[in-house]
C-alpha atoms as a PDB file:
ATOM      1  CA  MET A   1      73.420   4.375 -15.583  1.00  0.00           C
ATOM      2  CA  SER A   2      72.484   2.364 -18.655  1.00  0.00           C
ATOM      3  CA  TYR A   3      69.205   0.719 -19.555  1.00  0.00           C
ATOM      4  CA  PRO A   4      69.166  -2.462 -21.670  1.00  0.00           C
ATOM      5  CA  TYR A   5      66.367  -3.142 -24.106  1.00  0.00           C
ATOM      6  CA  LEU A   6      65.582  -4.235 -27.655  1.00  0.00           C
ATOM      7  CA  ARG A   7      65.270  -1.453 -30.168  1.00  0.00           C
ATOM      8  CA  SER A   8      64.648  -1.489 -33.905  1.00  0.00           C
ATOM      9  CA  GLY A   9      66.202   0.855 -36.422  1.00  0.00           C
ATOM     10  CA  VAL A  10      69.731   1.075 -34.997  1.00  0.00           C
ATOM     11  CA  ASP A  11      71.828   1.923 -38.059  1.00  0.00           C
ATOM     12  CA  SER A  12      75.539   1.615 -38.762  1.00  0.00           C
ATOM     13  CA  LYS A  13      76.352   5.175 -37.731  1.00  0.00           C
ATOM     14  CA  THR A  14      74.667   4.757 -34.340  1.00  0.00           C
ATOM     15  CA  SER A  15      76.260   1.360 -33.761  1.00  0.00           C
ATOM     16  CA  VAL A  16      79.734   2.610 -34.639  1.00  0.00           C
ATOM     17  CA  SER A  17      79.481   5.705 -32.443  1.00  0.00           C
ATOM     18  CA  ALA A  18      78.059   3.835 -29.449  1.00  0.00           C
ATOM     19  CA  ASN A  19      80.430   0.891 -29.576  1.00  0.00           C
ATOM     20  CA  ARG A  20      83.513   3.045 -30.093  1.00  0.00           C
ATOM     21  CA  ARG A  21      82.651   4.984 -26.936  1.00  0.00           C
ATOM     22  CA  TRP A  22      81.784   1.789 -25.051  1.00  0.00           C
ATOM     23  CA  TRP A  23      85.044  -0.021 -25.789  1.00  0.00           C
ATOM     24  CA  ASP A  24      87.115   3.122 -25.207  1.00  0.00           C
ATOM     25  CA  ALA A  25      85.544   3.506 -21.769  1.00  0.00           C
ATOM     26  CA  ASP A  26      85.631  -0.212 -20.920  1.00  0.00           C
ATOM     27  CA  ALA A  27      89.161  -1.039 -22.108  1.00  0.00           C
ATOM     28  CA  ASP A  28      90.790  -1.042 -18.665  1.00  0.00           C
ATOM     29  CA  SER A  29      87.960  -2.930 -16.962  1.00  0.00           C
ATOM     30  CA  TYR A  30      87.800  -5.511 -19.753  1.00  0.00           C
ATOM     31  CA  HIS A  31      91.512  -6.210 -19.510  1.00  0.00           C
ATOM     32  CA  GLY A  32      91.377  -6.352 -15.744  1.00  0.00           C
ATOM     33  CA  THR A  33      88.839  -9.164 -16.027  1.00  0.00           C
ATOM     34  CA  HIS A  34      89.910 -11.023 -19.173  1.00  0.00           C
ATOM     35  CA  GLY A  35      93.429  -9.843 -20.017  1.00  0.00           C
ATOM     36  CA  ASP A  36      95.289 -12.769 -18.458  1.00  0.00           C
ATOM     37  CA  PHE A  37      93.048 -15.361 -20.128  1.00  0.00           C
ATOM     38  CA  LEU A  38      93.559 -13.708 -23.533  1.00  0.00           C
ATOM     39  CA  GLY A  39      97.292 -13.176 -23.125  1.00  0.00           C
ATOM     40  CA  ALA A  40      96.706  -9.479 -23.708  1.00  0.00           C
ATOM     41  CA  ASP A  41      99.508  -8.312 -21.430  1.00  0.00           C
ATOM     42  CA  SER A  42     102.023 -11.027 -22.277  1.00  0.00           C
ATOM     43  CA  ASP A  43     105.016 -10.118 -24.405  1.00  0.00           C
ATOM     44  CA  ASP A  44     104.092 -12.523 -27.209  1.00  0.00           C
ATOM     45  CA  GLY A  45     100.291 -12.322 -27.094  1.00  0.00           C
ATOM     46  CA  ASP A  46      98.079 -15.363 -27.571  1.00  0.00           C
ATOM     47  CA  PHE A  47      95.344 -16.493 -29.959  1.00  0.00           C
ATOM     48  CA  VAL A  48      92.222 -17.557 -28.059  1.00  0.00           C
ATOM     49  CA  TRP A  49      89.174 -18.118 -30.250  1.00  0.00           C
ATOM     50  CA  CYS A  50      86.506 -18.140 -27.554  1.00  0.00           C
ATOM     51  CA  PRO A  51      85.650 -18.276 -23.831  1.00  0.00           C
ATOM     52  CA  GLU A  52      85.799 -22.078 -24.048  1.00  0.00           C
ATOM     53  CA  GLY A  53      89.574 -21.640 -24.355  1.00  0.00           C
ATOM     54  CA  LEU A  54      90.074 -22.948 -27.901  1.00  0.00           C
ATOM     55  CA  ARG A  55      93.529 -21.785 -29.022  1.00  0.00           C
ATOM     56  CA  GLU A  56      94.915 -21.432 -32.522  1.00  0.00           C
ATOM     57  CA  ASP A  57      98.091 -23.125 -31.303  1.00  0.00           C
ATOM     58  CA  ASP A  58      96.034 -26.293 -30.878  1.00  0.00           C
ATOM     59  CA  VAL A  59      93.397 -26.192 -33.620  1.00  0.00           C
ATOM     60  CA  GLU A  60      95.274 -24.411 -36.473  1.00  0.00           C
ATOM     61  CA  LEU A  61      92.123 -23.154 -38.163  1.00  0.00           C
ATOM     62  CA  LEU A  62      94.213 -20.668 -40.145  1.00  0.00           C
ATOM     63  CA  GLY A  63      96.807 -23.237 -41.175  1.00  0.00           C
ATOM     64  CA  ASP A  64     100.480 -22.324 -41.468  1.00  0.00           C
ATOM     65  CA  VAL A  65     100.629 -18.534 -41.073  1.00  0.00           C
ATOM     66  CA  ALA A  66     104.381 -18.094 -41.627  1.00  0.00           C
ATOM     67  CA  GLY A  67     105.014 -15.620 -44.413  1.00  0.00           C
ATOM     68  CA  LYS A  68     101.292 -14.884 -44.845  1.00  0.00           C
ATOM     69  CA  THR A  69      99.694 -11.459 -44.751  1.00  0.00           C
ATOM     70  CA  VAL A  70      96.916 -11.608 -42.154  1.00  0.00           C
ATOM     71  CA  LEU A  71      94.177  -9.136 -41.239  1.00  0.00           C
ATOM     72  CA  GLU A  72      92.612  -9.402 -37.787  1.00  0.00           C
ATOM     73  CA  ILE A  73      89.254  -7.625 -37.615  1.00  0.00           C
ATOM     74  CA  GLY A  74      88.179  -6.316 -34.222  1.00  0.00           C
ATOM     75  CA  CYS A  75      91.586  -7.008 -32.728  1.00  0.00           C
ATOM     76  CA  GLY A  76      91.073  -5.181 -29.414  1.00  0.00           C
ATOM     77  CA  SER A  77      94.509  -4.883 -27.821  1.00  0.00           C
ATOM     78  CA  ALA A  78      95.835  -7.242 -30.512  1.00  0.00           C
ATOM     79  CA  PRO A  79      97.041 -10.322 -28.595  1.00  0.00           C
ATOM     80  CA  CYS A  80      96.031 -12.445 -31.604  1.00  0.00           C
ATOM     81  CA  SER A  81      97.849 -10.181 -34.065  1.00  0.00           C
ATOM     82  CA  ARG A  82     100.935 -10.287 -31.871  1.00  0.00           C
ATOM     83  CA  TRP A  83     100.726 -14.085 -31.711  1.00  0.00           C
ATOM     84  CA  LEU A  84     100.393 -14.237 -35.497  1.00  0.00           C
ATOM     85  CA  THR A  85     103.410 -11.973 -35.964  1.00  0.00           C
ATOM     86  CA  GLY A  86     105.410 -14.083 -33.538  1.00  0.00           C
ATOM     87  CA  HIS A  87     104.606 -17.110 -35.712  1.00  0.00           C
ATOM     88  CA  GLY A  88     105.998 -15.483 -38.832  1.00  0.00           C
ATOM     89  CA  ALA A  89     102.923 -13.757 -40.257  1.00  0.00           C
ATOM     90  CA  HIS A  90     102.774 -10.188 -41.536  1.00  0.00           C
ATOM     91  CA  ALA A  91      99.785  -9.235 -39.397  1.00  0.00           C
ATOM     92  CA  VAL A  92      97.638  -6.120 -39.238  1.00  0.00           C
ATOM     93  CA  GLY A  93      95.159  -5.634 -36.401  1.00  0.00           C
ATOM     94  CA  LEU A  94      92.133  -3.414 -37.022  1.00  0.00           C
ATOM     95  CA  ASP A  95      89.800  -2.106 -34.340  1.00  0.00           C
ATOM     96  CA  LEU A  96      87.268   0.664 -33.844  1.00  0.00           C
ATOM     97  CA  SER A  97      88.458   1.593 -30.355  1.00  0.00           C
ATOM     98  CA  ARG A  98      91.463   3.846 -29.864  1.00  0.00           C
ATOM     99  CA  GLU A  99      91.803   2.835 -26.213  1.00  0.00           C
ATOM    100  CA  MET A 100      91.848  -0.870 -27.021  1.00  0.00           C
ATOM    101  CA  LEU A 101      94.557  -0.266 -29.620  1.00  0.00           C
ATOM    102  CA  ARG A 102      96.470   1.857 -27.113  1.00  0.00           C
ATOM    103  CA  ARG A 103      96.493  -1.108 -24.744  1.00  0.00           C
ATOM    104  CA  GLY A 104      98.065  -3.112 -27.550  1.00  0.00           C
ATOM    105  CA  GLN A 105     100.668  -0.418 -28.129  1.00  0.00           C
ATOM    106  CA  HIS A 106     101.578  -0.462 -24.442  1.00  0.00           C
ATOM    107  CA  ALA A 107     102.081  -4.225 -24.558  1.00  0.00           C
ATOM    108  CA  MET A 108     104.171  -3.939 -27.726  1.00  0.00           C
ATOM    109  CA  ALA A 109     106.328  -1.205 -26.192  1.00  0.00           C
ATOM    110  CA  ARG A 110     107.899  -3.830 -23.948  1.00  0.00           C
ATOM    111  CA  GLY A 111     109.211  -5.646 -27.013  1.00  0.00           C
ATOM    112  CA  GLY A 112     108.032  -8.805 -28.676  1.00  0.00           C
ATOM    113  CA  PRO A 113     106.073  -9.101 -31.949  1.00  0.00           C
ATOM    114  CA  GLN A 114     105.100  -5.825 -33.596  1.00  0.00           C
ATOM    115  CA  PRO A 115     102.050  -6.112 -35.891  1.00  0.00           C
ATOM    116  CA  GLY A 116     100.599  -3.077 -37.597  1.00  0.00           C
ATOM    117  CA  LEU A 117      97.582  -1.508 -35.889  1.00  0.00           C
ATOM    118  CA  VAL A 118      94.825   0.418 -37.670  1.00  0.00           C
ATOM    119  CA  GLN A 119      91.848   2.251 -36.187  1.00  0.00           C
ATOM    120  CA  ALA A 120      88.866   1.713 -38.478  1.00  0.00           C
ATOM    121  CA  GLY A 121      85.483   0.040 -38.704  1.00  0.00           C
ATOM    122  CA  ALA A 122      84.828  -3.346 -40.264  1.00  0.00           C
ATOM    123  CA  GLU A 123      82.103  -2.272 -42.687  1.00  0.00           C
ATOM    124  CA  ALA A 124      84.548  -0.287 -44.848  1.00  0.00           C
ATOM    125  CA  LEU A 125      88.025  -1.798 -44.651  1.00  0.00           C
ATOM    126  CA  PRO A 126      90.744   0.745 -45.513  1.00  0.00           C
ATOM    127  CA  PHE A 127      92.728  -1.622 -47.739  1.00  0.00           C
ATOM    128  CA  GLY A 128      93.045  -2.383 -51.426  1.00  0.00           C
ATOM    129  CA  ASP A 129      91.666  -5.407 -53.213  1.00  0.00           C
ATOM    130  CA  GLU A 130      93.274  -8.836 -52.742  1.00  0.00           C
ATOM    131  CA  VAL A 131      96.058  -7.789 -50.372  1.00  0.00           C
ATOM    132  CA  PHE A 132      95.666 -10.395 -47.580  1.00  0.00           C
ATOM    133  CA  ASP A 133      96.224 -14.142 -47.565  1.00  0.00           C
ATOM    134  CA  LEU A 134      94.150 -14.680 -44.418  1.00  0.00           C
ATOM    135  CA  ALA A 135      91.602 -12.821 -42.312  1.00  0.00           C
ATOM    136  CA  CYS A 136      90.377 -13.654 -38.825  1.00  0.00           C
ATOM    137  CA  SER A 137      88.266 -12.346 -35.992  1.00  0.00           C
ATOM    138  CA  ALA A 138      87.914 -13.740 -32.480  1.00  0.00           C
ATOM    139  CA  PHE A 139      84.675 -12.191 -31.194  1.00  0.00           C
ATOM    140  CA  GLY A 140      85.610  -8.914 -32.860  1.00  0.00           C
ATOM    141  CA  ALA A 141      83.377  -6.539 -34.831  1.00  0.00           C
ATOM    142  CA  VAL A 142      80.937  -9.003 -36.447  1.00  0.00           C
ATOM    143  CA  PRO A 143      78.290  -9.054 -33.658  1.00  0.00           C
ATOM    144  CA  PHE A 144      78.556  -5.290 -33.152  1.00  0.00           C
ATOM    145  CA  VAL A 145      77.937  -3.945 -36.665  1.00  0.00           C
ATOM    146  CA  ALA A 146      74.556  -3.207 -38.200  1.00  0.00           C
ATOM    147  CA  ASP A 147      75.555  -4.541 -41.610  1.00  0.00           C
ATOM    148  CA  SER A 148      77.510  -7.750 -41.037  1.00  0.00           C
ATOM    149  CA  ALA A 149      76.802  -8.805 -44.634  1.00  0.00           C
ATOM    150  CA  ARG A 150      78.898  -5.803 -45.658  1.00  0.00           C
ATOM    151  CA  VAL A 151      81.734  -7.071 -43.453  1.00  0.00           C
ATOM    152  CA  MET A 152      81.677 -10.401 -45.311  1.00  0.00           C
ATOM    153  CA  SER A 153      81.796  -8.599 -48.658  1.00  0.00           C
ATOM    154  CA  GLU A 154      84.645  -6.376 -47.532  1.00  0.00           C
ATOM    155  CA  VAL A 155      86.657  -9.345 -46.286  1.00  0.00           C
ATOM    156  CA  ALA A 156      86.075 -11.146 -49.599  1.00  0.00           C
ATOM    157  CA  ARG A 157      87.292  -8.043 -51.409  1.00  0.00           C
ATOM    158  CA  VAL A 158      90.587  -7.728 -49.520  1.00  0.00           C
ATOM    159  CA  LEU A 159      91.359 -11.471 -49.574  1.00  0.00           C
ATOM    160  CA  ARG A 160      93.435 -13.016 -52.296  1.00  0.00           C
ATOM    161  CA  PRO A 161      91.886 -15.984 -54.151  1.00  0.00           C
ATOM    162  CA  GLY A 162      92.146 -19.076 -51.962  1.00  0.00           C
ATOM    163  CA  GLY A 163      92.430 -16.975 -48.809  1.00  0.00           C
ATOM    164  CA  ARG A 164      90.730 -18.058 -45.586  1.00  0.00           C
ATOM    165  CA  TRP A 165      88.353 -16.016 -43.443  1.00  0.00           C
ATOM    166  CA  VAL A 166      87.738 -17.538 -40.019  1.00  0.00           C
ATOM    167  CA  PHE A 167      85.647 -15.747 -37.407  1.00  0.00           C
ATOM    168  CA  SER A 168      84.110 -16.605 -34.050  1.00  0.00           C
ATOM    169  CA  VAL A 169      80.952 -15.076 -32.601  1.00  0.00           C
ATOM    170  CA  ASN A 170      78.570 -15.772 -29.753  1.00  0.00           C
ATOM    171  CA  HIS A 171      76.449 -18.726 -30.864  1.00  0.00           C
ATOM    172  CA  PRO A 172      73.200 -17.366 -32.364  1.00  0.00           C
ATOM    173  CA  MET A 173      71.001 -19.651 -30.247  1.00  0.00           C
ATOM    174  CA  ARG A 174      72.262 -17.814 -27.155  1.00  0.00           C
ATOM    175  CA  TRP A 175      70.146 -14.832 -28.231  1.00  0.00           C
ATOM    176  CA  ALA A 176      67.026 -16.589 -26.988  1.00  0.00           C
ATOM    177  CA  PHE A 177      68.392 -16.995 -23.442  1.00  0.00           C
ATOM    178  CA  PRO A 178      69.103 -14.385 -20.739  1.00  0.00           C
ATOM    179  CA  ASP A 179      72.683 -13.170 -20.478  1.00  0.00           C
ATOM    180  CA  ASP A 180      73.168 -15.073 -17.225  1.00  0.00           C
ATOM    181  CA  PRO A 181      75.661 -17.868 -16.410  1.00  0.00           C
ATOM    182  CA  GLY A 182      73.395 -19.417 -13.770  1.00  0.00           C
ATOM    183  CA  PRO A 183      70.131 -21.395 -13.843  1.00  0.00           C
ATOM    184  CA  THR A 184      68.183 -18.349 -15.042  1.00  0.00           C
ATOM    185  CA  GLY A 185      70.244 -18.486 -18.212  1.00  0.00           C
ATOM    186  CA  LEU A 186      68.767 -21.870 -19.134  1.00  0.00           C
ATOM    187  CA  THR A 187      65.259 -20.555 -19.835  1.00  0.00           C
ATOM    188  CA  VAL A 188      64.263 -19.123 -23.215  1.00  0.00           C
ATOM    189  CA  THR A 189      62.945 -15.558 -22.945  1.00  0.00           C
ATOM    190  CA  LEU A 190      63.306 -14.185 -26.503  1.00  0.00           C
ATOM    191  CA  PRO A 191      62.393 -15.571 -29.920  1.00  0.00           C
ATOM    192  CA  TYR A 192      65.475 -16.864 -31.712  1.00  0.00           C
ATOM    193  CA  PHE A 193      64.149 -15.254 -34.889  1.00  0.00           C
ATOM    194  CA  ASP A 194      63.813 -11.763 -33.403  1.00  0.00           C
ATOM    195  CA  ARG A 195      66.628  -9.791 -35.006  1.00  0.00           C
ATOM    196  CA  THR A 196      65.895  -6.574 -33.144  1.00  0.00           C
ATOM    197  CA  PRO A 197      69.251  -5.256 -31.827  1.00  0.00           C
ATOM    198  CA  TYR A 198      70.132  -5.289 -28.141  1.00  0.00           C
ATOM    199  CA  VAL A 199      70.724  -1.714 -27.006  1.00  0.00           C
ATOM    200  CA  GLU A 200      71.893   0.004 -23.851  1.00  0.00           C
ATOM    201  CA  THR A 201      71.330   3.731 -23.283  1.00  0.00           C
ATOM    202  CA  GLU A 202      72.410   6.419 -20.864  1.00  0.00           C
ATOM    203  CA  ASP A 203      70.020   8.471 -18.703  1.00  0.00           C
ATOM    204  CA  ASP A 204      69.629  11.039 -21.475  1.00  0.00           C
ATOM    205  CA  GLY A 205      68.699   8.400 -24.037  1.00  0.00           C
ATOM    206  CA  THR A 206      72.089   8.307 -25.771  1.00  0.00           C
ATOM    207  CA  VAL A 207      72.789   4.869 -27.162  1.00  0.00           C
ATOM    208  CA  SER A 208      75.876   3.538 -25.369  1.00  0.00           C
ATOM    209  CA  TYR A 209      76.127  -0.077 -26.585  1.00  0.00           C
ATOM    210  CA  VAL A 210      74.659  -2.101 -29.444  1.00  0.00           C
ATOM    211  CA  GLU A 211      74.795  -5.780 -30.319  1.00  0.00           C
ATOM    212  CA  HIS A 212      73.152  -7.243 -33.413  1.00  0.00           C
ATOM    213  CA  HIS A 213      71.680 -10.719 -33.765  1.00  0.00           C
ATOM    214  CA  ARG A 214      71.809 -12.949 -36.835  1.00  0.00           C
ATOM    215  CA  THR A 215      70.640 -16.558 -37.022  1.00  0.00           C
ATOM    216  CA  LEU A 216      72.883 -19.364 -38.226  1.00  0.00           C
ATOM    217  CA  GLY A 217      71.037 -19.272 -41.539  1.00  0.00           C
ATOM    218  CA  ASP A 218      71.621 -15.508 -41.806  1.00  0.00           C
ATOM    219  CA  ARG A 219      75.352 -16.010 -41.326  1.00  0.00           C
ATOM    220  CA  VAL A 220      75.489 -18.735 -43.987  1.00  0.00           C
ATOM    221  CA  ARG A 221      73.599 -16.542 -46.452  1.00  0.00           C
ATOM    222  CA  GLU A 222      75.892 -13.578 -45.732  1.00  0.00           C
ATOM    223  CA  ILE A 223      78.924 -15.757 -46.402  1.00  0.00           C
ATOM    224  CA  ARG A 224      77.513 -17.123 -49.643  1.00  0.00           C
ATOM    225  CA  ALA A 225      76.332 -13.702 -50.842  1.00  0.00           C
ATOM    226  CA  ALA A 226      79.912 -12.450 -50.470  1.00  0.00           C
ATOM    227  CA  GLY A 227      81.085 -15.216 -52.796  1.00  0.00           C
ATOM    228  CA  LEU A 228      82.805 -17.158 -50.024  1.00  0.00           C
ATOM    229  CA  ILE A 229      82.695 -20.895 -49.379  1.00  0.00           C
ATOM    230  CA  LEU A 230      81.794 -22.225 -45.928  1.00  0.00           C
ATOM    231  CA  ASP A 231      84.129 -25.131 -45.130  1.00  0.00           C
ATOM    232  CA  ASP A 232      83.201 -25.762 -41.521  1.00  0.00           C
ATOM    233  CA  LEU A 233      81.095 -24.556 -38.620  1.00  0.00           C
ATOM    234  CA  ILE A 234      82.678 -25.336 -35.254  1.00  0.00           C
ATOM    235  CA  GLU A 235      80.646 -25.311 -32.031  1.00  0.00           C
ATOM    236  CA  PRO A 236      83.210 -25.814 -29.243  1.00  0.00           C
ATOM    237  CA  GLU A 237      82.119 -28.043 -26.388  1.00  0.00           C
ATOM    238  CA  TRP A 238      82.761 -26.920 -22.834  1.00  0.00           C
ATOM    239  CA  PRO A 239      86.101 -28.425 -21.725  1.00  0.00           C
ATOM    240  CA  GLU A 240      85.941 -31.010 -18.974  1.00  0.00           C
ATOM    241  CA  GLY A 241      87.137 -29.577 -15.676  1.00  0.00           C
ATOM    242  CA  PHE A 242      87.145 -25.981 -16.973  1.00  0.00           C
ATOM    243  CA  ASP A 243      85.422 -23.853 -14.338  1.00  0.00           C
ATOM    244  CA  ARG A 244      85.995 -20.292 -15.565  1.00  0.00           C
ATOM    245  CA  GLU A 245      82.954 -18.044 -16.049  1.00  0.00           C
ATOM    246  CA  TRP A 246      82.990 -15.259 -18.611  1.00  0.00           C
ATOM    247  CA  GLY A 247      79.796 -13.207 -18.704  1.00  0.00           C
ATOM    248  CA  GLN A 248      77.122 -15.644 -19.835  1.00  0.00           C
ATOM    249  CA  TRP A 249      79.638 -18.461 -20.409  1.00  0.00           C
ATOM    250  CA  SER A 250      79.795 -21.004 -17.622  1.00  0.00           C
ATOM    251  CA  PRO A 251      80.212 -24.748 -17.038  1.00  0.00           C
ATOM    252  CA  LEU A 252      76.480 -24.983 -16.351  1.00  0.00           C
ATOM    253  CA  ARG A 253      75.364 -23.463 -19.657  1.00  0.00           C
ATOM    254  CA  GLY A 254      78.220 -25.050 -21.561  1.00  0.00           C
ATOM    255  CA  HIS A 255      76.970 -28.475 -20.510  1.00  0.00           C
ATOM    256  CA  TYR A 256      73.628 -27.921 -22.269  1.00  0.00           C
ATOM    257  CA  PHE A 257      74.279 -25.849 -25.394  1.00  0.00           C
ATOM    258  CA  PRO A 258      77.075 -24.115 -27.309  1.00  0.00           C
ATOM    259  CA  GLY A 259      78.206 -20.605 -26.519  1.00  0.00           C
ATOM    260  CA  THR A 260      80.390 -20.017 -29.567  1.00  0.00           C
ATOM    261  CA  ALA A 261      80.137 -20.517 -33.309  1.00  0.00           C
ATOM    262  CA  ILE A 262      83.309 -20.458 -35.435  1.00  0.00           C
ATOM    263  CA  PHE A 263      82.805 -20.068 -39.169  1.00  0.00           C
ATOM    264  CA  CYS A 264      85.640 -21.319 -41.374  1.00  0.00           C
ATOM    265  CA  THR A 265      85.377 -19.933 -44.890  1.00  0.00           C
ATOM    266  CA  ARG A 266      87.549 -19.318 -47.938  1.00  0.00           C
ATOM    267  CA  LYS A 267      87.569 -17.305 -51.108  1.00  0.00           C
ATOM    268  CA  PRO A 268      87.445 -19.446 -54.255  1.00  0.00           C
ATOM    269  CA  THR A 269      90.577 -19.631 -56.407  1.00  0.00           C
END
């Protein structure tokens, strides 16, 4: 049994250990619920940016990926990396969870695109300087690390000049509302400016899950501090007629406020 609460002082080591165990244990359940929507078990994968169903096929936030070296951070079972590879990119998917990567390997074993897969954390990328043309993350890693500013710096380091870094996260304003898709989720219960991490623990007190909050301003400052340029901030609207719920995402909440923030950045030439 786990107990959710806010807890200060959750460092990188604790976050990494807890979230690796969480995603290893939850890999099958997660795919049972969301795998079809994400294209996780399809032969070619898919690139879905967010629960609102925004797809890279339609929005092309990364531009033409053919021939580009692309790093996906927090790739899970790598449907996005497989989609990128199928569109001519030289993609590498990185994730903390061995079980999530194993799910990707199982999908790849049936054939189709074959990106590289690496098990590692996002705060210390195991790559040399300026080796990728593009980097991306669809709800991967950024909300789950204690030092997301370090992630921005690491991405800037491995990107070539002119390279894009596009990442989607849960919209920061959602922090103030309960994690509930129904009417209860429309009432503010936490201060937006409270950056105390959300933590779940086991009966013995072991931290089993951690999620870190940053405001929109925090994200912009992290991007700028890494020497990156913010080109756009996309807040997808809830699609008309789309009735799928995903955790706290729902037509009801999507009608009133955004659930996702997509940051489109680039490294100066």
